[in-house]
Every structure is written in structure tokens, then in C-alpha cells.
Amino acid sequence: MIMKTQNFPEEYLQELGRRIKIIRIFLNLDQRKMSDLMKTGQSQISKIESGRSAPTLFQLRMIKKLADENDHLRENLTWEWILEEKGKGIFG
């Protein structure tokens, strides 16, 4: 089975990357630690945060899983905020 990749607008990837970086910083993780926890390379985290690469579905799920380990984020961070910056997010 061949999976097609989705081409997202550059602006969307930059905004998504910014939100992912905010989550990482809120969790007090550097890129290396986050990449270890997500089982990916630090350079991939850098590319995602800078909007040069789209995160995979697996990576998005791992980010949400890491966030759910934090009491505040478990209660406030929604998929809608991660993907579209709508609804509840980091700042409640």
C-alpha cells in the first residue's frame, strides 16, 4: 500500500511547528529529550518546529501523549488547538 503525503501550505506548517514548540517548552523539554521520547531524530523535531517538515500522525499522537502526562495540559490542550489553534490550548 502506498500512502500519499499531504502538501500543507508553508504558513500552516510554520504555525503548527510554533504550537508544537510551545508544547515542548511548556513541558520543559529540549529538542533532544523530546526527540528521544518520540523515538525520532532531533533534526526532525527542529524541522517540524521551523515549519520545514510536517509531523507524521504518529509524531502528533506522541506529542499529545507527552502533553497528557502533564496535569494542566491533560485538562486544557485539545487536538483542535494543536492542529488549528482553536478551542482550549496551553493557556486554558
N, C-alpha and C. Protein backbone atom coordinates (compact mmCIF):
# COMPACT_ATOMS: atom_id res chain seq x y z
N MET A 1 0.84 -1.18 0.00
CA MET A 1 0.00 0.00 0.00
C MET A 1 0.89 1.25 0.00
N ILE A 2 0.63 2.14 -0.91
CA ILE A 2 1.39 3.38 -0.99
C ILE A 2 0.56 4.49 -0.37
N MET A 3 1.18 5.20 0.57
CA MET A 3 0.48 6.31 1.21
C MET A 3 0.90 7.61 0.54
N LYS A 4 -0.06 8.43 0.22
CA LYS A 4 0.23 9.74 -0.34
C LYS A 4 0.52 10.71 0.79
N THR A 5 1.43 11.62 0.54
CA THR A 5 1.72 12.64 1.54
C THR A 5 0.88 13.87 1.24
N GLN A 6 0.46 14.52 2.28
CA GLN A 6 -0.35 15.72 2.16
C GLN A 6 0.57 16.93 2.03
N ASN A 7 0.29 17.78 1.07
CA ASN A 7 1.06 19.01 0.94
C ASN A 7 0.32 20.12 1.66
N PHE A 8 0.90 20.59 2.73
CA PHE A 8 0.29 21.66 3.51
C PHE A 8 0.91 23.00 3.12
N PRO A 9 0.13 24.07 3.19
CA PRO A 9 0.71 25.39 2.92
C PRO A 9 1.85 25.69 3.90
N GLU A 10 2.85 26.39 3.41
CA GLU A 10 4.02 26.73 4.23
C GLU A 10 3.61 27.46 5.51
N GLU A 11 2.68 28.40 5.39
CA GLU A 11 2.24 29.17 6.56
C GLU A 11 1.62 28.26 7.62
N TYR A 12 0.83 27.27 7.19
CA TYR A 12 0.22 26.34 8.14
C TYR A 12 1.30 25.54 8.86
N LEU A 13 2.28 25.03 8.13
CA LEU A 13 3.34 24.25 8.75
C LEU A 13 4.14 25.08 9.76
N GLN A 14 4.35 26.35 9.44
CA GLN A 14 5.08 27.22 10.37
C GLN A 14 4.27 27.43 11.65
N GLU A 15 2.97 27.65 11.52
CA GLU A 15 2.12 27.85 12.70
C GLU A 15 1.99 26.56 13.51
N LEU A 16 1.84 25.42 12.85
CA LEU A 16 1.78 24.14 13.54
C LEU A 16 3.08 23.89 14.29
N GLY A 17 4.19 24.15 13.63
CA GLY A 17 5.50 24.00 14.27
C GLY A 17 5.66 24.89 15.48
N ARG A 18 5.15 26.12 15.38
CA ARG A 18 5.21 27.05 16.51
C ARG A 18 4.42 26.51 17.70
N ARG A 19 3.24 25.95 17.43
CA ARG A 19 2.44 25.39 18.53
C ARG A 19 3.12 24.17 19.14
N ILE A 20 3.73 23.35 18.32
CA ILE A 20 4.45 22.18 18.84
C ILE A 20 5.63 22.63 19.70
N LYS A 21 6.30 23.67 19.28
CA LYS A 21 7.43 24.21 20.08
C LYS A 21 6.92 24.74 21.42
N ILE A 22 5.78 25.41 21.42
CA ILE A 22 5.19 25.92 22.66
C ILE A 22 4.91 24.75 23.61
N ILE A 23 4.36 23.67 23.08
CA ILE A 23 4.08 22.50 23.91
C ILE A 23 5.38 21.95 24.49
N ARG A 24 6.39 21.82 23.66
CA ARG A 24 7.69 21.29 24.12
C ARG A 24 8.27 22.15 25.22
N ILE A 25 8.25 23.45 25.03
CA ILE A 25 8.81 24.37 26.04
C ILE A 25 7.98 24.30 27.32
N PHE A 26 6.65 24.24 27.19
CA PHE A 26 5.79 24.13 28.37
C PHE A 26 6.14 22.88 29.17
N LEU A 27 6.48 21.81 28.47
CA LEU A 27 6.85 20.55 29.13
C LEU A 27 8.29 20.56 29.64
N ASN A 28 8.98 21.67 29.41
CA ASN A 28 10.36 21.83 29.87
C ASN A 28 11.29 20.77 29.25
N LEU A 29 11.10 20.53 27.95
CA LEU A 29 11.93 19.58 27.23
C LEU A 29 12.77 20.32 26.19
N ASP A 30 14.02 19.90 26.02
CA ASP A 30 14.77 20.42 24.89
C ASP A 30 14.49 19.51 23.70
N GLN A 31 14.94 19.92 22.53
CA GLN A 31 14.63 19.14 21.33
C GLN A 31 15.18 17.72 21.42
N ARG A 32 16.37 17.56 21.99
CA ARG A 32 16.97 16.22 22.07
C ARG A 32 16.13 15.30 22.95
N LYS A 33 15.70 15.80 24.12
CA LYS A 33 14.90 14.97 25.03
C LYS A 33 13.55 14.63 24.38
N MET A 34 12.94 15.62 23.73
CA MET A 34 11.66 15.36 23.08
C MET A 34 11.84 14.33 21.96
N SER A 35 12.91 14.46 21.20
CA SER A 35 13.14 13.51 20.11
C SER A 35 13.37 12.10 20.66
N ASP A 36 14.06 11.99 21.79
CA ASP A 36 14.24 10.67 22.42
C ASP A 36 12.90 10.07 22.81
N LEU A 37 12.06 10.88 23.45
CA LEU A 37 10.75 10.41 23.89
C LEU A 37 9.85 10.03 22.71
N MET A 38 10.03 10.72 21.59
CA MET A 38 9.21 10.47 20.40
C MET A 38 9.84 9.45 19.47
N LYS A 39 11.02 8.97 19.83
CA LYS A 39 11.72 7.98 19.01
C LYS A 39 11.96 8.48 17.59
N THR A 40 12.48 9.70 17.49
CA THR A 40 12.83 10.30 16.20
C THR A 40 14.12 11.09 16.40
N GLY A 41 14.65 11.63 15.35
CA GLY A 41 15.88 12.40 15.45
C GLY A 41 15.62 13.83 15.89
N GLN A 42 16.60 14.42 16.56
CA GLN A 42 16.49 15.81 16.99
C GLN A 42 16.32 16.72 15.78
N SER A 43 16.97 16.39 14.66
CA SER A 43 16.86 17.22 13.46
C SER A 43 15.42 17.23 12.93
N GLN A 44 14.69 16.13 13.12
CA GLN A 44 13.29 16.08 12.68
C GLN A 44 12.44 17.02 13.53
N ILE A 45 12.68 17.06 14.83
CA ILE A 45 11.95 17.99 15.71
C ILE A 45 12.23 19.42 15.26
N SER A 46 13.48 19.72 14.97
CA SER A 46 13.86 21.05 14.51
C SER A 46 13.13 21.41 13.21
N LYS A 47 13.06 20.47 12.27
CA LYS A 47 12.37 20.73 11.00
C LYS A 47 10.88 20.96 11.22
N ILE A 48 10.27 20.18 12.10
CA ILE A 48 8.84 20.35 12.38
C ILE A 48 8.59 21.71 13.01
N GLU A 49 9.39 22.06 14.03
CA GLU A 49 9.18 23.32 14.74
C GLU A 49 9.42 24.54 13.85
N SER A 50 10.29 24.41 12.86
CA SER A 50 10.57 25.54 11.98
C SER A 50 9.64 25.58 10.76
N GLY A 51 8.75 24.58 10.66
CA GLY A 51 7.80 24.55 9.56
C GLY A 51 8.38 23.99 8.27
N ARG A 52 9.55 23.38 8.33
CA ARG A 52 10.17 22.80 7.13
C ARG A 52 9.71 21.37 6.87
N SER A 53 9.01 20.77 7.83
CA SER A 53 8.54 19.40 7.68
C SER A 53 7.23 19.24 8.44
N ALA A 54 6.34 18.45 7.87
CA ALA A 54 5.07 18.16 8.56
C ALA A 54 5.28 16.98 9.50
N PRO A 55 4.72 17.04 10.69
CA PRO A 55 4.80 15.88 11.57
C PRO A 55 3.94 14.75 11.03
N THR A 56 4.35 13.53 11.29
CA THR A 56 3.54 12.38 10.91
C THR A 56 2.40 12.24 11.92
N LEU A 57 1.43 11.44 11.58
CA LEU A 57 0.33 11.17 12.51
C LEU A 57 0.89 10.55 13.79
N PHE A 58 1.84 9.64 13.66
CA PHE A 58 2.46 9.02 14.84
C PHE A 58 3.12 10.09 15.71
N GLN A 59 3.84 11.02 15.10
CA GLN A 59 4.50 12.07 15.87
C GLN A 59 3.49 12.97 16.57
N LEU A 60 2.39 13.30 15.89
CA LEU A 60 1.35 14.11 16.53
C LEU A 60 0.75 13.37 17.72
N ARG A 61 0.51 12.09 17.56
CA ARG A 61 -0.05 11.29 18.67
C ARG A 61 0.93 11.24 19.84
N MET A 62 2.22 11.14 19.55
CA MET A 62 3.23 11.11 20.62
C MET A 62 3.28 12.45 21.35
N ILE A 63 3.17 13.54 20.61
CA ILE A 63 3.17 14.87 21.23
C ILE A 63 1.97 14.99 22.17
N LYS A 64 0.80 14.55 21.72
CA LYS A 64 -0.40 14.61 22.57
C LYS A 64 -0.25 13.70 23.78
N LYS A 65 0.35 12.53 23.58
CA LYS A 65 0.57 11.60 24.69
C LYS A 65 1.50 12.23 25.73
N LEU A 66 2.58 12.85 25.28
CA LEU A 66 3.50 13.52 26.21
C LEU A 66 2.78 14.65 26.95
N ALA A 67 1.97 15.41 26.22
CA ALA A 67 1.23 16.51 26.83
C ALA A 67 0.25 15.99 27.87
N ASP A 68 -0.37 14.86 27.60
CA ASP A 68 -1.36 14.31 28.53
C ASP A 68 -0.75 13.82 29.84
N GLU A 69 0.57 13.71 29.89
CA GLU A 69 1.24 13.34 31.14
C GLU A 69 1.34 14.53 32.09
N ASN A 70 1.04 15.73 31.59
CA ASN A 70 1.05 16.95 32.39
C ASN A 70 -0.39 17.26 32.80
N ASP A 71 -0.61 17.46 34.11
CA ASP A 71 -1.98 17.70 34.61
C ASP A 71 -2.68 18.86 33.90
N HIS A 72 -1.98 19.99 33.75
CA HIS A 72 -2.59 21.16 33.13
C HIS A 72 -2.94 20.88 31.67
N LEU A 73 -2.00 20.29 30.94
CA LEU A 73 -2.25 20.05 29.52
C LEU A 73 -3.30 18.98 29.30
N ARG A 74 -3.35 17.99 30.16
CA ARG A 74 -4.37 16.94 30.04
C ARG A 74 -5.76 17.57 30.08
N GLU A 75 -5.91 18.59 30.92
CA GLU A 75 -7.22 19.25 31.09
C GLU A 75 -7.49 20.31 30.02
N ASN A 76 -6.44 20.88 29.43
CA ASN A 76 -6.64 22.07 28.59
C ASN A 76 -6.24 21.95 27.13
N LEU A 77 -5.32 21.07 26.80
CA LEU A 77 -4.82 21.01 25.43
C LEU A 77 -5.68 20.08 24.58
N THR A 78 -6.28 20.65 23.54
CA THR A 78 -7.15 19.87 22.66
C THR A 78 -6.48 19.65 21.30
N TRP A 79 -6.94 18.64 20.58
CA TRP A 79 -6.45 18.42 19.22
C TRP A 79 -6.75 19.64 18.36
N GLU A 80 -7.90 20.25 18.59
CA GLU A 80 -8.30 21.42 17.81
C GLU A 80 -7.27 22.54 17.96
N TRP A 81 -6.73 22.72 19.18
CA TRP A 81 -5.72 23.76 19.38
C TRP A 81 -4.41 23.36 18.71
N ILE A 82 -4.01 22.11 18.87
CA ILE A 82 -2.76 21.66 18.26
C ILE A 82 -2.81 21.87 16.74
N LEU A 83 -3.89 21.43 16.12
CA LEU A 83 -3.96 21.45 14.66
C LEU A 83 -4.38 22.78 14.07
N GLU A 84 -5.22 23.55 14.80
CA GLU A 84 -5.78 24.76 14.20
C GLU A 84 -5.73 26.00 15.09
N GLU A 85 -5.20 25.87 16.30
CA GLU A 85 -5.15 26.94 17.29
C GLU A 85 -6.54 27.50 17.59
N LYS A 86 -7.49 26.57 17.74
CA LYS A 86 -8.86 26.93 18.10
C LYS A 86 -9.21 26.16 19.37
N GLY A 87 -10.15 26.66 20.12
CA GLY A 87 -10.57 25.97 21.32
C GLY A 87 -9.54 26.11 22.45
N LYS A 88 -9.63 25.18 23.39
CA LYS A 88 -8.73 25.23 24.54
C LYS A 88 -7.33 24.81 24.14
N GLY A 89 -6.36 25.43 24.81
CA GLY A 89 -4.98 25.12 24.48
C GLY A 89 -4.09 25.19 25.71
N ILE A 90 -2.87 25.54 25.50
CA ILE A 90 -1.87 25.61 26.58
C ILE A 90 -2.33 26.54 27.69
N PHE A 91 -2.87 27.66 27.30
CA PHE A 91 -3.17 28.71 28.27
C PHE A 91 -4.60 28.65 28.79
N GLY A 92 -5.29 27.53 28.53
CA GLY A 92 -6.61 27.28 29.09
C GLY A 92 -7.73 28.03 28.50
